[in-house]
Each structure stands twice: as structure tokens, then as C-alpha cells.
Amino acid sequence: MSTKSKNPFTWVEIYVDDMGRAQKFYEAVLKIKMIPMQVPGDTGDLEMLSFPWTEGGENISGALCKTSEMKPGTGGTLVYFTCDDCASETSRVEKAGGQVLQQKFPIGQYGFCSIVMDTEGNTIGLHSMK
């Protein structure tokens, strides 16, 4: 590993049952545009939509994934999305079809976060420094 600090996450997959519904949720809450991905090789029924990212940039790459081999749901990995002010994204969750589990709350010197559930039953976190 180089002396330059690296983010330990390389790729994040959020599993969904309804790709269209999940895409609308994430695009509405995060104000982003999901990117269709070509799935390489023989991957069965895998469907993927990528979150926006920049090659070589400081970001975490990831995608929404739909496959019969994995299912969405609460109790697994909790992914946090970076926000300017997580209260803004949280305010859009219910209109986008999700559920707010915990409104914005302070986490000391590490800023603030909120916890929400997407339209697929996945619990996700929203994090900001203000």
C-alpha cells in the first residue's frame, strides 16, 4: 500500500427486487443519475445500475444489483452515502417511497447522520459534516 491514504472500500452492491423502483428512489433522494452497466460474461440474471463515479477520483464505486442469487433486506451491511447536509436527503426519502428510521443526529466530531430504508427494504445511512 502506498503512503497516500486509500479508501478501504472498492465496490459496494445494494441488492434490489425491483430495479426501476430502486433506481427512482436513489435518484430522487441523492439527486443523481444512475448509469446502466453492461454485465460481463455469464452472470445469469444479474442486472446492474452504477452510482456515478469518476475514474481515479476520491469516491466509492458501487451499483444497484438485481439477481435471483441475492436478496435485499435489513440486518446486513449498512452503507453510508456522503451528503452536504444529510437532513436534505432525509427530507426526500418518504416522497421517494422509502422510510425514515432515524432523523439526522450528531455523531460528535464525525458530523451527523440519519438512517433510512429504501424501497427494497435495505437500511442505508446518510452522512454529512454539517
N, C-alpha and C. Protein backbone atom coordinates (compact mmCIF):
# COMPACT_ATOMS: atom_id res chain seq x y z
N MET A 1 0.85 -1.19 0.00
CA MET A 1 0.00 0.00 0.00
C MET A 1 0.88 1.23 0.00
N SER A 2 0.53 2.21 -0.81
CA SER A 2 1.31 3.44 -0.91
C SER A 2 1.14 4.28 0.36
N THR A 3 1.97 5.30 0.47
CA THR A 3 1.87 6.20 1.61
C THR A 3 0.64 7.08 1.52
N LYS A 4 0.10 7.23 0.30
CA LYS A 4 -1.12 8.01 0.14
C LYS A 4 -2.29 7.20 0.72
N SER A 5 -3.10 7.85 1.53
CA SER A 5 -4.24 7.17 2.16
C SER A 5 -5.24 6.73 1.10
N LYS A 6 -5.73 5.50 1.22
CA LYS A 6 -6.72 4.98 0.29
C LYS A 6 -7.97 4.60 1.06
N ASN A 7 -9.10 4.77 0.40
CA ASN A 7 -10.35 4.33 0.98
C ASN A 7 -10.37 2.81 0.94
N PRO A 8 -10.68 2.12 2.03
CA PRO A 8 -10.63 0.66 2.04
C PRO A 8 -11.76 0.00 1.25
N PHE A 9 -12.80 0.73 0.89
CA PHE A 9 -13.88 0.16 0.10
C PHE A 9 -13.59 0.36 -1.37
N THR A 10 -13.77 -0.69 -2.15
CA THR A 10 -13.55 -0.62 -3.58
C THR A 10 -14.87 -0.61 -4.32
N TRP A 11 -15.83 -1.40 -3.85
CA TRP A 11 -17.09 -1.58 -4.57
C TRP A 11 -18.18 -1.92 -3.57
N VAL A 12 -19.35 -1.38 -3.76
CA VAL A 12 -20.50 -1.64 -2.91
C VAL A 12 -21.66 -2.08 -3.80
N GLU A 13 -22.33 -3.16 -3.42
CA GLU A 13 -23.51 -3.61 -4.14
C GLU A 13 -24.71 -3.58 -3.21
N ILE A 14 -25.79 -2.95 -3.66
CA ILE A 14 -27.04 -2.90 -2.92
C ILE A 14 -28.04 -3.74 -3.70
N TYR A 15 -28.50 -4.82 -3.11
CA TYR A 15 -29.39 -5.74 -3.80
C TYR A 15 -30.83 -5.27 -3.75
N VAL A 16 -31.54 -5.45 -4.86
CA VAL A 16 -32.91 -4.96 -5.01
C VAL A 16 -33.79 -6.04 -5.63
N ASP A 17 -35.09 -5.92 -5.42
CA ASP A 17 -36.06 -6.79 -6.07
C ASP A 17 -36.65 -6.12 -7.30
N ASP A 18 -36.83 -4.81 -7.26
CA ASP A 18 -37.45 -4.07 -8.36
C ASP A 18 -36.48 -2.95 -8.77
N MET A 19 -35.75 -3.18 -9.87
CA MET A 19 -34.71 -2.25 -10.29
C MET A 19 -35.26 -0.86 -10.60
N GLY A 20 -36.38 -0.77 -11.31
CA GLY A 20 -36.96 0.53 -11.64
C GLY A 20 -37.35 1.32 -10.42
N ARG A 21 -37.99 0.66 -9.47
CA ARG A 21 -38.41 1.32 -8.23
C ARG A 21 -37.19 1.78 -7.44
N ALA A 22 -36.18 0.94 -7.33
CA ALA A 22 -34.96 1.28 -6.58
C ALA A 22 -34.23 2.44 -7.26
N GLN A 23 -34.14 2.40 -8.59
CA GLN A 23 -33.47 3.48 -9.33
C GLN A 23 -34.15 4.81 -9.05
N LYS A 24 -35.47 4.84 -9.11
CA LYS A 24 -36.21 6.08 -8.85
C LYS A 24 -35.94 6.59 -7.44
N PHE A 25 -35.90 5.68 -6.46
CA PHE A 25 -35.65 6.06 -5.08
C PHE A 25 -34.29 6.73 -4.93
N TYR A 26 -33.22 6.07 -5.37
CA TYR A 26 -31.87 6.60 -5.19
C TYR A 26 -31.65 7.89 -6.00
N GLU A 27 -32.19 7.95 -7.20
CA GLU A 27 -32.05 9.18 -7.98
C GLU A 27 -32.80 10.34 -7.33
N ALA A 28 -33.97 10.08 -6.76
CA ALA A 28 -34.75 11.14 -6.11
C ALA A 28 -34.12 11.61 -4.81
N VAL A 29 -33.68 10.68 -3.98
CA VAL A 29 -33.12 11.04 -2.67
C VAL A 29 -31.75 11.68 -2.80
N LEU A 30 -30.86 11.10 -3.63
CA LEU A 30 -29.49 11.59 -3.74
C LEU A 30 -29.30 12.63 -4.84
N LYS A 31 -30.34 12.87 -5.64
CA LYS A 31 -30.26 13.83 -6.76
C LYS A 31 -29.11 13.47 -7.69
N ILE A 32 -29.09 12.21 -8.13
CA ILE A 32 -28.07 11.69 -9.03
C ILE A 32 -28.74 11.01 -10.21
N LYS A 33 -27.96 10.58 -11.18
CA LYS A 33 -28.44 9.80 -12.31
C LYS A 33 -27.67 8.48 -12.32
N MET A 34 -28.39 7.38 -12.17
CA MET A 34 -27.78 6.05 -12.19
C MET A 34 -27.32 5.73 -13.62
N ILE A 35 -26.27 4.93 -13.73
CA ILE A 35 -25.66 4.62 -15.02
C ILE A 35 -25.85 3.14 -15.34
N PRO A 36 -26.53 2.81 -16.45
CA PRO A 36 -26.69 1.39 -16.81
C PRO A 36 -25.31 0.74 -17.02
N MET A 37 -25.16 -0.49 -16.54
CA MET A 37 -23.90 -1.20 -16.67
C MET A 37 -24.07 -2.44 -17.55
N GLN A 38 -23.08 -2.69 -18.37
CA GLN A 38 -23.05 -3.93 -19.12
C GLN A 38 -22.42 -4.97 -18.20
N VAL A 39 -23.14 -6.05 -17.97
CA VAL A 39 -22.67 -7.09 -17.07
C VAL A 39 -21.76 -8.03 -17.86
N PRO A 40 -20.51 -8.22 -17.39
CA PRO A 40 -19.56 -9.06 -18.13
C PRO A 40 -19.85 -10.56 -18.02
N GLY A 41 -19.56 -11.29 -19.08
CA GLY A 41 -19.60 -12.76 -19.06
C GLY A 41 -20.95 -13.36 -18.75
N ASP A 42 -20.91 -14.61 -18.31
CA ASP A 42 -22.12 -15.36 -17.96
C ASP A 42 -22.42 -15.16 -16.49
N THR A 43 -23.26 -14.19 -16.19
CA THR A 43 -23.60 -13.88 -14.79
C THR A 43 -25.07 -14.17 -14.50
N GLY A 44 -25.66 -15.05 -15.28
CA GLY A 44 -27.05 -15.42 -15.04
C GLY A 44 -28.01 -14.27 -15.26
N ASP A 45 -28.87 -14.04 -14.27
CA ASP A 45 -29.89 -13.00 -14.40
C ASP A 45 -29.49 -11.67 -13.76
N LEU A 46 -28.19 -11.45 -13.54
CA LEU A 46 -27.70 -10.23 -12.89
C LEU A 46 -27.96 -8.99 -13.75
N GLU A 47 -28.56 -7.98 -13.11
CA GLU A 47 -28.83 -6.67 -13.71
C GLU A 47 -28.17 -5.65 -12.81
N MET A 48 -27.48 -4.63 -13.38
CA MET A 48 -26.78 -3.66 -12.55
C MET A 48 -26.95 -2.23 -13.07
N LEU A 49 -27.08 -1.29 -12.12
CA LEU A 49 -27.07 0.14 -12.40
C LEU A 49 -26.02 0.76 -11.48
N SER A 50 -25.06 1.45 -12.05
CA SER A 50 -23.96 2.02 -11.27
C SER A 50 -24.32 3.39 -10.70
N PHE A 51 -23.77 3.66 -9.51
CA PHE A 51 -23.80 5.01 -8.97
C PHE A 51 -22.77 5.82 -9.74
N PRO A 52 -22.96 7.15 -9.88
CA PRO A 52 -21.99 7.96 -10.61
C PRO A 52 -20.62 7.89 -9.93
N TRP A 53 -19.56 7.85 -10.73
CA TRP A 53 -18.21 7.82 -10.18
C TRP A 53 -17.24 8.37 -11.22
N THR A 54 -16.05 8.72 -10.76
CA THR A 54 -15.01 9.25 -11.62
C THR A 54 -13.78 8.37 -11.50
N GLU A 55 -13.28 7.87 -12.63
CA GLU A 55 -12.07 7.04 -12.63
C GLU A 55 -10.93 7.82 -11.98
N GLY A 56 -10.30 7.23 -10.98
CA GLY A 56 -9.18 7.87 -10.29
C GLY A 56 -9.59 8.92 -9.28
N GLY A 57 -10.91 9.18 -9.15
CA GLY A 57 -11.39 10.18 -8.20
C GLY A 57 -11.51 9.61 -6.80
N GLU A 58 -11.76 10.47 -5.85
CA GLU A 58 -11.95 10.03 -4.48
C GLU A 58 -13.42 9.72 -4.28
N ASN A 59 -13.80 8.49 -4.60
CA ASN A 59 -15.17 8.07 -4.46
C ASN A 59 -15.23 6.57 -4.21
N ILE A 60 -16.38 6.12 -3.79
CA ILE A 60 -16.61 4.69 -3.65
C ILE A 60 -17.50 4.28 -4.81
N SER A 61 -17.07 3.30 -5.55
CA SER A 61 -17.86 2.82 -6.67
C SER A 61 -18.86 1.79 -6.18
N GLY A 62 -19.99 1.73 -6.85
CA GLY A 62 -20.98 0.75 -6.45
C GLY A 62 -22.16 0.74 -7.39
N ALA A 63 -23.07 -0.21 -7.14
CA ALA A 63 -24.20 -0.37 -8.04
C ALA A 63 -25.40 -0.96 -7.31
N LEU A 64 -26.58 -0.72 -7.90
CA LEU A 64 -27.77 -1.47 -7.52
C LEU A 64 -27.70 -2.77 -8.31
N CYS A 65 -28.00 -3.88 -7.68
CA CYS A 65 -27.91 -5.19 -8.35
C CYS A 65 -29.20 -5.96 -8.14
N LYS A 66 -29.68 -6.56 -9.23
CA LYS A 66 -30.85 -7.42 -9.15
C LYS A 66 -30.44 -8.80 -9.67
N THR A 67 -30.63 -9.82 -8.83
CA THR A 67 -30.32 -11.20 -9.20
C THR A 67 -31.12 -12.14 -8.31
N SER A 68 -31.41 -13.30 -8.81
CA SER A 68 -32.14 -14.28 -8.00
C SER A 68 -31.25 -14.90 -6.93
N GLU A 69 -29.95 -14.67 -7.01
CA GLU A 69 -29.00 -15.28 -6.07
C GLU A 69 -28.83 -14.51 -4.76
N MET A 70 -29.18 -13.23 -4.74
CA MET A 70 -29.04 -12.40 -3.54
C MET A 70 -30.32 -11.61 -3.35
N LYS A 71 -30.68 -11.36 -2.08
CA LYS A 71 -31.91 -10.64 -1.76
C LYS A 71 -31.61 -9.42 -0.89
N PRO A 72 -32.41 -8.34 -1.07
CA PRO A 72 -32.26 -7.16 -0.22
C PRO A 72 -32.83 -7.40 1.16
N GLY A 73 -32.51 -6.51 2.09
CA GLY A 73 -33.14 -6.58 3.39
C GLY A 73 -32.33 -5.96 4.50
N THR A 74 -33.00 -5.73 5.61
CA THR A 74 -32.38 -5.15 6.79
C THR A 74 -31.58 -6.20 7.54
N GLY A 75 -30.51 -5.77 8.18
CA GLY A 75 -29.73 -6.67 9.01
C GLY A 75 -28.39 -7.02 8.42
N GLY A 76 -28.13 -6.59 7.20
CA GLY A 76 -26.85 -6.87 6.56
C GLY A 76 -25.92 -5.69 6.72
N THR A 77 -25.13 -5.46 5.71
CA THR A 77 -24.18 -4.35 5.71
C THR A 77 -24.92 -3.02 5.66
N LEU A 78 -24.42 -2.04 6.38
CA LEU A 78 -25.00 -0.70 6.35
C LEU A 78 -24.07 0.21 5.56
N VAL A 79 -24.55 0.73 4.45
CA VAL A 79 -23.78 1.61 3.58
C VAL A 79 -24.17 3.05 3.88
N TYR A 80 -23.17 3.92 4.05
CA TYR A 80 -23.43 5.35 4.29
C TYR A 80 -23.07 6.13 3.03
N PHE A 81 -23.99 7.02 2.62
CA PHE A 81 -23.76 7.90 1.49
C PHE A 81 -23.36 9.27 2.01
N THR A 82 -22.33 9.88 1.43
CA THR A 82 -21.88 11.22 1.80
C THR A 82 -22.85 12.26 1.26
N CYS A 83 -23.19 13.23 2.09
CA CYS A 83 -24.12 14.30 1.74
C CYS A 83 -23.54 15.63 2.18
N ASP A 84 -24.01 16.72 1.58
CA ASP A 84 -23.63 18.05 2.06
C ASP A 84 -24.29 18.30 3.42
N ASP A 85 -25.57 17.98 3.52
CA ASP A 85 -26.33 18.07 4.76
C ASP A 85 -27.34 16.93 4.72
N CYS A 86 -27.13 15.89 5.50
CA CYS A 86 -27.96 14.68 5.40
C CYS A 86 -29.44 14.96 5.67
N ALA A 87 -29.77 16.09 6.30
CA ALA A 87 -31.18 16.44 6.50
C ALA A 87 -31.88 16.66 5.16
N SER A 88 -31.16 17.17 4.16
CA SER A 88 -31.76 17.41 2.85
C SER A 88 -32.17 16.10 2.19
N GLU A 89 -31.25 15.14 2.14
CA GLU A 89 -31.57 13.84 1.54
C GLU A 89 -32.65 13.12 2.34
N THR A 90 -32.58 13.20 3.66
CA THR A 90 -33.58 12.56 4.51
C THR A 90 -34.97 13.12 4.24
N SER A 91 -35.04 14.42 3.96
CA SER A 91 -36.34 15.05 3.69
C SER A 91 -36.99 14.53 2.41
N ARG A 92 -36.22 13.91 1.53
CA ARG A 92 -36.76 13.40 0.26
C ARG A 92 -37.11 11.90 0.30
N VAL A 93 -36.76 11.22 1.38
CA VAL A 93 -36.91 9.77 1.46
C VAL A 93 -38.35 9.29 1.35
N GLU A 94 -39.25 9.83 2.16
CA GLU A 94 -40.63 9.35 2.16
C GLU A 94 -41.34 9.63 0.84
N LYS A 95 -41.11 10.79 0.25
CA LYS A 95 -41.72 11.10 -1.04
C LYS A 95 -41.22 10.15 -2.12
N ALA A 96 -40.00 9.64 -1.97
CA ALA A 96 -39.42 8.70 -2.93
C ALA A 96 -39.85 7.26 -2.66
N GLY A 97 -40.67 7.06 -1.63
CA GLY A 97 -41.19 5.72 -1.34
C GLY A 97 -40.47 4.97 -0.24
N GLY A 98 -39.49 5.60 0.39
CA GLY A 98 -38.74 4.96 1.48
C GLY A 98 -39.31 5.33 2.84
N GLN A 99 -38.55 4.99 3.87
CA GLN A 99 -38.99 5.24 5.25
C GLN A 99 -37.82 5.80 6.04
N VAL A 100 -38.06 6.86 6.81
CA VAL A 100 -37.03 7.42 7.68
C VAL A 100 -37.05 6.63 8.98
N LEU A 101 -35.94 6.00 9.31
CA LEU A 101 -35.83 5.22 10.55
C LEU A 101 -35.29 6.07 11.68
N GLN A 102 -34.36 6.99 11.37
CA GLN A 102 -33.81 7.89 12.38
C GLN A 102 -33.43 9.19 11.69
N GLN A 103 -34.05 10.28 12.13
CA GLN A 103 -33.75 11.61 11.59
C GLN A 103 -32.29 11.96 11.89
N LYS A 104 -31.80 13.00 11.26
CA LYS A 104 -30.43 13.49 11.44
C LYS A 104 -30.09 13.61 12.93
N PHE A 105 -28.93 13.05 13.30
CA PHE A 105 -28.46 13.14 14.67
C PHE A 105 -26.94 13.32 14.68
N PRO A 106 -26.41 13.99 15.74
CA PRO A 106 -24.97 14.24 15.79
C PRO A 106 -24.18 12.99 16.17
N ILE A 107 -22.99 12.88 15.59
CA ILE A 107 -22.07 11.79 15.95
C ILE A 107 -20.72 12.40 16.35
N GLY A 108 -20.81 13.43 17.19
CA GLY A 108 -19.61 14.08 17.73
C GLY A 108 -18.77 14.73 16.65
N GLN A 109 -17.47 14.60 16.76
CA GLN A 109 -16.54 15.23 15.82
C GLN A 109 -16.66 14.68 14.40
N TYR A 110 -17.41 13.60 14.24
CA TYR A 110 -17.55 12.95 12.93
C TYR A 110 -18.74 13.46 12.13
N GLY A 111 -19.45 14.46 12.65
CA GLY A 111 -20.53 15.08 11.91
C GLY A 111 -21.91 14.60 12.31
N PHE A 112 -22.72 14.27 11.31
CA PHE A 112 -24.12 13.90 11.52
C PHE A 112 -24.49 12.75 10.58
N CYS A 113 -25.52 12.02 10.97
CA CYS A 113 -26.04 11.00 10.06
C CYS A 113 -27.52 10.78 10.33
N SER A 114 -28.15 10.14 9.37
CA SER A 114 -29.53 9.69 9.52
C SER A 114 -29.58 8.29 8.94
N ILE A 115 -30.59 7.54 9.36
CA ILE A 115 -30.75 6.15 8.90
C ILE A 115 -32.12 6.04 8.24
N VAL A 116 -32.14 5.50 7.03
CA VAL A 116 -33.38 5.38 6.27
C VAL A 116 -33.48 3.98 5.66
N MET A 117 -34.68 3.64 5.19
CA MET A 117 -34.89 2.39 4.50
C MET A 117 -35.32 2.70 3.08
N ASP A 118 -34.70 2.03 2.10
CA ASP A 118 -35.06 2.26 0.71
C ASP A 118 -36.33 1.49 0.35
N THR A 119 -36.74 1.57 -0.89
CA THR A 119 -37.97 0.92 -1.35
C THR A 119 -37.86 -0.60 -1.40
N GLU A 120 -36.64 -1.13 -1.24
CA GLU A 120 -36.41 -2.58 -1.33
C GLU A 120 -36.26 -3.23 0.04
N GLY A 121 -36.29 -2.43 1.11
CA GLY A 121 -36.14 -2.97 2.45
C GLY A 121 -34.71 -2.91 2.97
N ASN A 122 -33.79 -2.28 2.20
CA ASN A 122 -32.41 -2.11 2.64
C ASN A 122 -32.31 -0.90 3.56
N THR A 123 -31.60 -1.04 4.67
CA THR A 123 -31.31 0.09 5.54
C THR A 123 -30.01 0.71 5.06
N ILE A 124 -30.04 2.05 4.86
CA ILE A 124 -28.84 2.78 4.42
C ILE A 124 -28.65 3.98 5.34
N GLY A 125 -27.42 4.47 5.40
CA GLY A 125 -27.11 5.66 6.18
C GLY A 125 -26.80 6.84 5.29
N LEU A 126 -27.08 8.03 5.79
CA LEU A 126 -26.75 9.28 5.10
C LEU A 126 -25.85 10.04 6.07
N HIS A 127 -24.67 10.51 5.60
CA HIS A 127 -23.69 11.15 6.48
C HIS A 127 -23.28 12.52 5.94
N SER A 128 -23.12 13.49 6.84
CA SER A 128 -22.61 14.81 6.47
C SER A 128 -21.83 15.38 7.63
N MET A 129 -21.00 16.36 7.32
CA MET A 129 -20.22 17.02 8.37
C MET A 129 -20.96 18.20 8.98
N LYS A 130 -22.05 18.64 8.34
CA LYS A 130 -22.84 19.75 8.92
C LYS A 130 -24.27 19.35 9.07
